[in-house]
Amino acid sequence: MGSQDSFFEALGGETAIGFFTHSTDISRGVDVQGNEIGVKGTCQGHTGDGVQGFGGDAGGNGVVGQGGDGRSGVVGGVGTLGHGGDSEGAGFGPGVVGIDGKNQPPSDKTLTSDIGVFGMGHTGVVGVAENRDPPDFLTRSQAQAGVIGVGTTGVKGTGIVGVAGRGETVAGVVGSCEQRFGVWGQSDFSHGVFADNAESKASGGEIFTRPAGCYGITYKNRGVAGVVAVEGKQNDPRELDPMAAGIYGAAAWIPGENPVYPGNINFEGWAGFFIGPVFIYGGIIVDGFKSAAIRHSDGSHRLLHTIESPEAWFEDFGEARLVKGKADVKLEKEFARVVRTDSYQVFVTPCGDSNGLYVATRNSRGFTVKEQAGGKSTINFAYRIVARRKDLKSARFAKVALPEIRRPTTTAKRRAKGESLPGMKLPE
């Protein structure tokens, strides 16, 4: 045995403890200051902890570290720095482990393999920056968090997977911000944010109840938004890629390789599915057919297709009456305001016996219909007016360059083979 008094006990020999304080009258069990390292703990065995810290049973932190503030002219220090054991190159052992008092460390070390910081429990790890006080751990919004970060950069991770979160009931990762972005994702060579629920156990059922890889909800704003270039700014067109897309949706079938014909509808998933009105501010180009699904009397839905034209036309229909071989028809005011009235087409169909009808005159106010061969018939007739749109000029048979999408992407090929993406799957 070594020396001992009412404050501390230095042990040696066969005991497993090198230094032990047991008095209840002292506020700090150990208070050590050094020019380079205040406290250093090293485990001499093959397994074991360098430093352990346990908070009081009524609250308190197991280990608290505070870095230097840099007032001496050097860069501020790190509050707690941990280096994980490499287990002879296997990479097991995180640098810092935070475990709630009611939880036990994971028995399977592969769960914490190659992880700098591992947090487990109601609040496993807390990161605080900018001299802010740690959050209230007892609030309902934070009581079940594995990692909490507060400050300019609450949580920052660097590695093959920078930050990994795995939740049991609510969320794997939660991001919240009062001013700007709740979650920010950026990548130099791949996706800024990647979401995958291909192996979700809740698949199937009604399409509007299925889980989504990326889900957004709102009552007044935009649930999910994708923008090309800087929104609200007049961007330089030379800086934009002509194939840049704000929102991209793809299905399994590839145009050109397995085309879809109206008489043989066999989709392999939908590139987009909307329930409710859809508004497009701008134009739309479709490499395929456009149709309406109409409910048939036999209970099925049948396709009715649109009629296309090489220019942008509007059309209107009506019926008028020929009296003694002549009828003056005025253009409907609302229709005349949206079309070019200097040149338009009129097609007439008599609704009774006559010598035949023809359009005698056309102007911006309307048109005149007469009976051929000087006839004086009094009959009804139907007409169809076709006029060019007034708000735009469309080139006839304008050329358009479509993106080359005839080959499945590497991701699609891997999915077809049942393979997962490299580096995207989190540890079980």
Protein backbone atom coordinates (compact mmCIF):
# COMPACT_ATOMS: atom_id res chain seq x y z
CA MET A 1 0.00 0.00 0.00
CA GLY A 2 1.07 3.60 -0.51
CA SER A 3 0.31 6.69 1.52
CA GLN A 4 -3.23 7.68 2.45
CA ASP A 5 -5.13 10.42 4.29
CA SER A 6 -8.70 11.68 4.40
CA PHE A 7 -8.49 13.13 0.91
CA PHE A 8 -6.80 10.64 -1.37
CA GLU A 9 -5.23 7.25 -1.53
CA ALA A 10 -2.31 6.24 -3.75
CA LEU A 11 -2.41 2.54 -4.37
CA GLY A 12 0.11 0.12 -5.79
CA GLY A 13 1.14 -3.48 -5.72
CA GLU A 14 -1.57 -5.93 -6.66
CA THR A 15 -4.46 -3.45 -6.72
CA ALA A 16 -6.19 -2.60 -10.03
CA ILE A 17 -6.55 1.10 -9.14
CA GLY A 18 -3.55 3.41 -9.24
CA PHE A 19 -5.12 6.50 -7.65
CA PHE A 20 -8.40 6.74 -5.73
CA THR A 21 -10.25 9.56 -3.90
CA HIS A 22 -12.98 8.61 -1.48
CA SER A 23 -13.71 11.58 0.75
CA THR A 24 -17.13 13.25 0.53
CA ASP A 25 -15.78 16.60 1.73
CA ILE A 26 -13.85 17.54 -1.40
CA SER A 27 -15.37 19.22 -4.47
CA ARG A 28 -12.84 17.86 -6.97
CA GLY A 29 -11.49 14.35 -6.79
CA VAL A 30 -8.49 15.26 -8.90
CA ASP A 31 -7.31 18.70 -10.07
CA VAL A 32 -4.15 18.49 -12.15
CA GLN A 33 -2.53 21.22 -14.22
CA GLY A 34 0.35 20.81 -16.64
CA ASN A 35 2.17 22.89 -19.21
CA GLU A 36 1.33 20.46 -22.03
CA ILE A 37 -1.28 17.97 -20.78
CA GLY A 38 -3.54 18.37 -17.78
CA VAL A 39 -4.65 14.74 -17.54
CA LYS A 40 -3.54 11.81 -19.66
CA GLY A 41 -4.87 8.32 -19.30
CA THR A 42 -3.37 5.33 -21.07
CA CYS A 43 -4.58 1.76 -20.93
CA GLN A 44 -1.68 -0.67 -20.81
CA GLY A 45 -3.74 -3.72 -21.64
CA HIS A 46 -5.01 -4.83 -25.03
CA THR A 47 -8.51 -3.57 -24.25
CA GLY A 48 -9.80 -0.97 -21.84
CA ASP A 49 -10.42 2.73 -21.51
CA GLY A 50 -7.86 5.46 -21.23
CA VAL A 51 -10.17 7.78 -19.28
CA GLN A 52 -13.61 7.14 -17.81
CA GLY A 53 -16.00 9.77 -16.46
CA PHE A 54 -19.28 9.24 -14.60
CA GLY A 55 -21.64 12.07 -13.71
CA GLY A 56 -23.51 12.37 -10.43
CA ASP A 57 -26.70 10.36 -9.95
CA ALA A 58 -28.79 13.56 -9.89
CA GLY A 59 -27.23 14.97 -13.03
CA GLY A 60 -23.88 16.22 -14.19
CA ASN A 61 -21.40 15.39 -16.90
CA GLY A 62 -19.11 12.43 -17.00
CA VAL A 63 -16.30 14.32 -18.75
CA VAL A 64 -16.13 18.06 -19.47
CA GLY A 65 -13.41 19.48 -21.70
CA GLN A 66 -12.73 23.13 -22.54
CA GLY A 67 -10.12 24.23 -25.03
CA GLY A 68 -7.89 27.27 -24.74
CA ASP A 69 -9.46 30.50 -25.99
CA GLY A 70 -6.39 31.53 -27.96
CA ARG A 71 -5.79 34.81 -26.13
CA SER A 72 -2.08 34.13 -26.02
CA GLY A 73 -1.92 34.51 -29.81
CA VAL A 74 -2.23 30.82 -30.71
CA VAL A 75 -5.21 29.00 -32.13
CA GLY A 76 -7.82 28.03 -29.56
CA GLY A 77 -7.49 24.46 -28.34
CA VAL A 78 -9.91 21.53 -28.49
CA GLY A 79 -12.11 20.78 -25.49
CA THR A 80 -11.96 17.00 -25.90
CA LEU A 81 -9.81 15.14 -28.41
CA GLY A 82 -10.15 11.40 -28.80
CA HIS A 83 -8.19 8.92 -30.94
CA GLY A 84 -9.76 5.49 -31.38
CA GLY A 85 -7.73 2.32 -31.04
CA ASP A 86 -6.95 0.67 -34.36
CA SER A 87 -7.13 -2.91 -33.04
CA GLU A 88 -4.17 -3.96 -35.18
CA GLY A 89 -5.42 -2.15 -38.26
CA ALA A 90 -9.04 -3.23 -38.00
CA GLY A 91 -10.18 0.28 -37.09
CA PHE A 92 -12.34 -0.67 -34.10
CA GLY A 93 -12.89 1.80 -31.31
CA PRO A 94 -14.21 5.35 -31.51
CA GLY A 95 -12.21 8.29 -30.19
CA VAL A 96 -15.01 9.54 -27.93
CA VAL A 97 -18.07 7.60 -26.76
CA GLY A 98 -21.08 9.24 -25.14
CA ILE A 99 -23.58 6.91 -23.48
CA ASP A 100 -26.69 7.80 -21.55
CA GLY A 101 -26.75 6.61 -17.95
CA LYS A 102 -29.52 4.10 -18.64
CA ASN A 103 -27.85 2.50 -21.65
CA GLN A 104 -24.97 0.09 -22.07
CA PRO A 105 -22.11 0.34 -24.58
CA PRO A 106 -22.64 -1.75 -27.72
CA SER A 107 -21.28 -5.26 -27.37
CA ASP A 108 -20.60 -5.53 -31.10
CA LYS A 109 -17.61 -3.31 -31.82
CA THR A 110 -18.43 -3.28 -35.54
CA LEU A 111 -21.19 -0.81 -34.66
CA THR A 112 -18.59 1.79 -33.75
CA SER A 113 -15.92 0.82 -36.24
CA ASP A 114 -14.03 3.76 -37.77
CA ILE A 115 -16.18 6.34 -35.97
CA GLY A 116 -14.66 9.44 -34.41
CA VAL A 117 -17.52 10.09 -31.98
CA PHE A 118 -20.23 7.61 -31.00
CA GLY A 119 -23.34 8.75 -29.15
CA MET A 120 -25.94 6.47 -27.63
CA GLY A 121 -28.92 7.16 -25.41
CA HIS A 122 -31.26 10.02 -24.69
CA THR A 123 -28.43 12.49 -25.31
CA GLY A 124 -25.25 10.65 -26.21
CA VAL A 125 -23.05 13.49 -27.46
CA VAL A 126 -23.49 17.27 -27.12
CA GLY A 127 -21.54 19.73 -29.25
CA VAL A 128 -21.63 23.44 -28.34
CA ALA A 129 -19.89 26.28 -30.17
CA GLU A 130 -19.54 30.05 -29.82
CA ASN A 131 -19.42 29.96 -26.00
CA ARG A 132 -23.11 29.01 -25.82
CA ASP A 133 -24.55 27.09 -22.94
CA PRO A 134 -25.42 23.46 -23.60
CA PRO A 135 -29.12 22.87 -24.41
CA ASP A 136 -31.60 21.77 -21.80
CA PHE A 137 -31.44 17.99 -21.98
CA LEU A 138 -34.84 17.60 -20.36
CA THR A 139 -36.85 19.38 -23.06
CA ARG A 140 -39.11 17.10 -25.02
CA SER A 141 -37.59 18.06 -28.38
CA GLN A 142 -34.08 16.96 -27.35
CA ALA A 143 -34.62 14.27 -24.75
CA GLN A 144 -34.20 11.39 -27.21
CA ALA A 145 -31.36 12.74 -29.36
CA GLY A 146 -28.20 10.72 -29.91
CA VAL A 147 -26.19 13.82 -30.88
CA ILE A 148 -27.01 17.50 -30.26
CA GLY A 149 -24.99 20.30 -31.84
CA VAL A 150 -25.38 24.00 -31.06
CA GLY A 151 -23.47 26.91 -32.55
CA THR A 152 -22.08 28.17 -35.84
CA THR A 153 -21.33 24.57 -36.74
CA GLY A 154 -23.21 22.35 -34.34
CA VAL A 155 -21.94 19.04 -35.65
CA LYS A 156 -19.18 18.54 -38.19
CA GLY A 157 -17.92 15.20 -39.42
CA THR A 158 -15.12 14.31 -41.82
CA GLY A 159 -14.56 10.88 -43.27
CA ILE A 160 -16.04 8.33 -45.67
CA VAL A 161 -19.32 9.09 -43.89
CA GLY A 162 -19.05 12.53 -42.26
CA VAL A 163 -22.01 12.22 -39.91
CA ALA A 164 -24.19 9.13 -39.49
CA GLY A 165 -27.41 9.06 -37.53
CA ARG A 166 -29.65 6.09 -36.84
CA GLY A 167 -32.93 6.55 -34.99
CA GLU A 168 -35.31 3.96 -33.63
CA THR A 169 -38.72 5.65 -33.82
CA VAL A 170 -38.57 9.27 -35.02
CA ALA A 171 -35.55 10.30 -37.12
CA GLY A 172 -31.96 9.34 -37.82
CA VAL A 173 -30.84 12.96 -38.21
CA VAL A 174 -32.74 16.15 -37.31
CA GLY A 175 -31.63 19.59 -38.45
CA SER A 176 -33.19 22.84 -37.25
CA CYS A 177 -32.35 26.48 -37.92
CA GLU A 178 -34.12 29.73 -37.06
CA GLN A 179 -32.77 31.79 -39.96
CA ARG A 180 -31.79 29.66 -42.96
CA PHE A 181 -31.32 25.95 -43.66
CA GLY A 182 -32.32 23.13 -41.34
CA VAL A 183 -30.07 20.69 -43.25
CA TRP A 184 -27.39 21.65 -45.77
CA GLY A 185 -25.85 19.12 -48.14
CA GLN A 186 -23.08 19.79 -50.64
CA SER A 187 -20.91 17.54 -52.78
CA ASP A 188 -18.20 18.14 -55.37
CA PHE A 189 -18.85 15.04 -57.46
CA SER A 190 -22.19 13.54 -56.42
CA HIS A 191 -25.51 14.40 -54.79
CA GLY A 192 -25.70 17.10 -52.13
CA VAL A 193 -28.27 15.09 -50.17
CA PHE A 194 -28.96 11.39 -50.80
CA ALA A 195 -32.12 9.64 -49.62
CA ASP A 196 -32.80 5.93 -50.09
CA ASN A 197 -35.75 3.85 -49.00
CA ALA A 198 -35.46 1.12 -51.65
CA GLU A 199 -35.43 -1.51 -48.92
CA SER A 200 -38.22 0.04 -46.86
CA LYS A 201 -40.39 -2.48 -45.04
CA ALA A 202 -43.45 -0.23 -45.47
CA SER A 203 -43.61 -0.52 -49.27
CA GLY A 204 -46.84 -1.29 -51.09
CA GLY A 205 -50.40 -0.08 -50.74
CA GLU A 206 -51.91 3.17 -51.94
CA ILE A 207 -49.34 5.42 -53.61
CA PHE A 208 -50.15 8.39 -51.36
CA THR A 209 -49.47 6.37 -48.20
CA ARG A 210 -46.12 4.91 -49.24
CA PRO A 211 -42.90 6.25 -47.69
CA ALA A 212 -40.71 8.53 -49.79
CA GLY A 213 -36.96 8.73 -50.27
CA CYS A 214 -37.29 12.50 -49.79
CA TYR A 215 -40.43 13.98 -48.23
CA GLY A 216 -41.44 17.61 -47.73
CA ILE A 217 -44.57 19.01 -46.09
CA THR A 218 -45.88 22.55 -45.81
CA TYR A 219 -49.09 24.50 -45.21
CA LYS A 220 -48.12 27.83 -46.77
CA ASN A 221 -44.82 27.43 -48.61
CA ARG A 222 -43.11 24.84 -50.84
CA GLY A 223 -42.90 21.25 -49.69
CA VAL A 224 -40.07 20.33 -52.08
CA ALA A 225 -38.34 22.82 -54.41
CA GLY A 226 -35.66 22.48 -57.05
CA VAL A 227 -34.21 25.57 -58.75
CA VAL A 228 -31.76 26.01 -61.63
CA ALA A 229 -29.23 28.79 -60.93
CA VAL A 230 -29.88 31.46 -58.28
CA GLU A 231 -33.55 32.04 -57.57
CA GLY A 232 -34.76 35.64 -57.80
CA LYS A 233 -31.69 36.73 -59.77
CA GLN A 234 -31.35 37.42 -63.48
CA ASN A 235 -28.69 34.83 -64.22
CA ASP A 236 -26.35 34.81 -67.19
CA PRO A 237 -27.65 32.19 -69.67
CA ARG A 238 -24.05 31.41 -70.66
CA GLU A 239 -23.44 30.04 -67.18
CA LEU A 240 -26.35 27.59 -67.37
CA ASP A 241 -26.22 24.08 -68.75
CA PRO A 242 -29.11 23.61 -71.24
CA MET A 243 -29.90 20.24 -69.64
CA ALA A 244 -29.92 21.51 -66.05
CA ALA A 245 -33.16 20.50 -64.30
CA GLY A 246 -34.73 21.94 -61.17
CA ILE A 247 -36.53 18.68 -60.40
CA TYR A 248 -35.76 15.35 -62.08
CA GLY A 249 -37.91 12.24 -62.00
CA ALA A 250 -37.16 8.95 -63.71
CA ALA A 251 -38.87 5.59 -64.12
CA ALA A 252 -37.41 2.21 -65.00
CA TRP A 253 -38.32 2.31 -68.69
CA ILE A 254 -35.94 4.09 -71.08
CA PRO A 255 -37.34 6.00 -74.11
CA GLY A 256 -36.18 4.50 -77.39
CA GLU A 257 -35.28 1.12 -75.91
CA ASN A 258 -38.70 0.12 -74.58
CA PRO A 259 -41.12 2.76 -75.90
CA VAL A 260 -44.65 3.03 -74.56
CA TYR A 261 -47.44 2.98 -77.13
CA PRO A 262 -50.99 4.15 -76.44
CA GLY A 263 -52.43 0.72 -77.17
CA ASN A 264 -49.99 -1.09 -74.91
CA ILE A 265 -49.65 0.85 -71.65
CA ASN A 266 -47.23 -1.00 -69.40
CA PHE A 267 -45.41 1.48 -67.19
CA GLU A 268 -42.60 0.36 -64.88
CA GLY A 269 -43.15 3.02 -62.25
CA TRP A 270 -44.01 6.68 -62.74
CA ALA A 271 -41.41 9.39 -63.26
CA GLY A 272 -43.91 11.77 -61.65
CA PHE A 273 -47.25 11.30 -59.93
CA PHE A 274 -49.48 14.20 -58.88
CA ILE A 275 -52.74 14.17 -56.96
CA GLY A 276 -54.45 17.52 -57.44
CA PRO A 277 -54.01 20.49 -59.78
CA VAL A 278 -50.63 21.07 -61.46
CA PHE A 279 -49.57 24.56 -62.58
CA ILE A 280 -46.75 25.21 -65.05
CA TYR A 281 -45.52 28.77 -65.52
CA GLY A 282 -43.84 28.39 -68.89
CA GLY A 283 -43.87 25.79 -71.65
CA ILE A 284 -43.97 22.02 -71.63
CA ILE A 285 -42.35 19.58 -74.07
CA VAL A 286 -43.39 15.94 -74.20
CA ASP A 287 -41.41 13.27 -76.02
CA GLY A 288 -44.37 10.94 -76.37
CA PHE A 289 -48.15 11.20 -76.30
CA LYS A 290 -50.50 13.38 -74.24
CA SER A 291 -53.84 11.95 -73.25
CA ALA A 292 -56.73 12.12 -70.82
CA ALA A 293 -57.89 9.05 -68.88
CA ILE A 294 -61.69 9.00 -69.11
CA ARG A 295 -63.85 6.69 -67.02
CA HIS A 296 -65.76 4.32 -69.31
CA SER A 297 -69.26 2.97 -68.72
CA ASP A 298 -67.77 -0.49 -68.13
CA GLY A 299 -65.83 0.86 -65.12
CA SER A 300 -62.44 1.01 -66.85
CA HIS A 301 -60.50 4.10 -67.93
CA ARG A 302 -59.88 4.79 -71.61
CA LEU A 303 -57.30 7.13 -73.19
CA LEU A 304 -58.30 10.09 -75.35
CA HIS A 305 -55.36 11.79 -77.04
CA THR A 306 -54.71 15.43 -77.87
CA ILE A 307 -54.53 16.76 -81.44
CA GLU A 308 -51.14 18.34 -82.18
CA SER A 309 -50.25 21.10 -84.63
CA PRO A 310 -46.91 22.54 -85.88
CA GLU A 311 -47.83 26.00 -84.53
CA ALA A 312 -49.55 27.34 -81.42
CA TRP A 313 -53.28 27.65 -82.15
CA PHE A 314 -56.43 28.26 -80.13
CA GLU A 315 -59.85 27.19 -81.35
CA ASP A 316 -63.46 27.94 -80.56
CA PHE A 317 -66.78 26.40 -81.55
CA GLY A 318 -70.29 27.69 -81.95
CA GLU A 319 -73.59 27.61 -83.81
CA ALA A 320 -75.43 30.38 -85.71
CA ARG A 321 -78.46 30.75 -87.98
CA LEU A 322 -78.49 31.52 -91.69
CA VAL A 323 -81.44 33.79 -92.62
CA LYS A 324 -82.35 34.13 -96.31
CA GLY A 325 -78.91 32.88 -97.30
CA LYS A 326 -76.76 35.14 -95.06
CA ALA A 327 -75.40 35.30 -91.45
CA ASP A 328 -73.05 37.74 -89.70
CA VAL A 329 -71.21 36.10 -86.79
CA LYS A 330 -69.26 38.12 -84.21
CA LEU A 331 -66.17 36.71 -82.54
CA GLU A 332 -66.67 36.02 -78.86
CA LYS A 333 -64.99 38.92 -77.01
CA GLU A 334 -62.90 36.87 -74.59
CA PHE A 335 -61.68 34.60 -77.37
CA ALA A 336 -60.78 37.56 -79.60
CA ARG A 337 -58.57 39.05 -76.86
CA VAL A 338 -56.19 36.07 -76.76
CA VAL A 339 -55.81 35.31 -80.51
CA ARG A 340 -54.58 37.08 -83.62
CA THR A 341 -57.68 38.32 -85.44
CA ASP A 342 -55.87 39.57 -88.55
CA SER A 343 -55.78 36.04 -89.92
CA TYR A 344 -57.77 33.02 -88.77
CA GLN A 345 -59.60 30.01 -90.17
CA VAL A 346 -63.35 29.32 -90.11
CA PHE A 347 -64.94 25.95 -90.91
CA VAL A 348 -68.74 25.77 -91.33
CA THR A 349 -71.14 22.81 -91.37
CA PRO A 350 -74.79 23.31 -92.46
CA CYS A 351 -77.45 21.78 -90.22
CA GLY A 352 -80.03 21.47 -93.02
CA ASP A 353 -80.51 21.19 -96.78
CA SER A 354 -78.88 23.99 -98.81
CA ASN A 355 -76.75 24.72 -101.83
CA GLY A 356 -73.70 24.74 -99.54
CA LEU A 357 -72.19 27.43 -97.35
CA TYR A 358 -69.02 29.49 -97.62
CA VAL A 359 -67.19 32.18 -95.60
CA ALA A 360 -67.58 35.42 -97.50
CA THR A 361 -65.59 37.83 -95.30
CA ARG A 362 -63.37 37.77 -92.17
CA ASN A 363 -62.18 40.67 -90.02
CA SER A 364 -61.20 41.47 -86.43
CA ARG A 365 -64.87 41.73 -85.40
CA GLY A 366 -66.18 38.53 -86.97
CA PHE A 367 -67.08 36.80 -90.23
CA THR A 368 -69.94 36.50 -92.75
CA VAL A 369 -71.36 33.21 -94.02
CA LYS A 370 -73.43 32.98 -97.23
CA GLU A 371 -75.21 30.26 -99.17
CA GLN A 372 -73.65 29.26 -102.45
CA ALA A 373 -75.26 29.97 -105.83
CA GLY A 374 -77.25 32.88 -104.37
CA GLY A 375 -79.40 30.59 -102.23
CA LYS A 376 -81.90 32.03 -99.76
CA SER A 377 -82.11 29.18 -97.25
CA THR A 378 -82.90 29.76 -93.58
CA ILE A 379 -81.10 27.07 -91.57
CA ASN A 380 -78.76 26.64 -88.59
CA PHE A 381 -75.06 25.93 -89.09
CA ALA A 382 -72.11 25.01 -86.86
CA TYR A 383 -68.72 26.67 -87.07
CA ARG A 384 -65.17 26.07 -85.85
CA ILE A 385 -62.66 28.93 -85.56
CA VAL A 386 -58.89 28.29 -85.41
CA ALA A 387 -56.57 31.24 -84.66
CA ARG A 388 -52.94 31.68 -83.67
CA ARG A 389 -52.12 32.59 -80.08
CA LYS A 390 -51.66 36.30 -79.55
CA ASP A 391 -49.20 36.15 -76.64
CA LEU A 392 -46.37 34.32 -78.39
CA LYS A 393 -44.76 33.67 -81.73
CA SER A 394 -44.05 30.04 -82.44
CA ALA A 395 -41.83 28.86 -85.27
CA ARG A 396 -43.39 26.27 -87.53
CA PHE A 397 -41.93 22.81 -86.88
CA ALA A 398 -39.36 24.34 -84.50
CA LYS A 399 -36.35 22.13 -83.83
CA VAL A 400 -35.65 21.01 -80.28
CA ALA A 401 -32.66 19.12 -78.82
CA LEU A 402 -33.71 16.36 -76.44
CA PRO A 403 -31.37 14.90 -73.79
CA GLU A 404 -29.76 11.57 -74.56
CA ILE A 405 -31.38 9.12 -72.14
CA ARG A 406 -31.44 5.92 -74.16
CA ARG A 407 -29.06 4.03 -71.89
CA PRO A 408 -29.81 3.15 -68.29
CA THR A 409 -27.55 4.92 -65.84
CA THR A 410 -25.05 3.06 -63.69
CA THR A 411 -27.41 3.44 -60.74
CA ALA A 412 -30.31 1.92 -62.70
CA LYS A 413 -28.16 -1.04 -63.76
CA ARG A 414 -27.08 -1.68 -60.17
CA ARG A 415 -30.66 -1.47 -58.96
CA ALA A 416 -31.75 -3.93 -61.66
CA LYS A 417 -29.14 -6.39 -60.42
CA GLY A 418 -30.14 -5.89 -56.80
CA GLU A 419 -26.88 -4.15 -55.90
CA SER A 420 -26.62 -1.27 -53.45
CA LEU A 421 -24.71 1.94 -54.05
CA PRO A 422 -21.14 1.98 -52.70
CA GLY A 423 -20.61 4.02 -49.58
CA MET A 424 -24.29 4.91 -49.19
CA LYS A 425 -25.51 2.20 -46.82
CA LEU A 426 -25.14 2.94 -43.13
CA PRO A 427 -23.99 0.21 -40.73
CA GLU A 428 -26.73 -1.98 -39.33
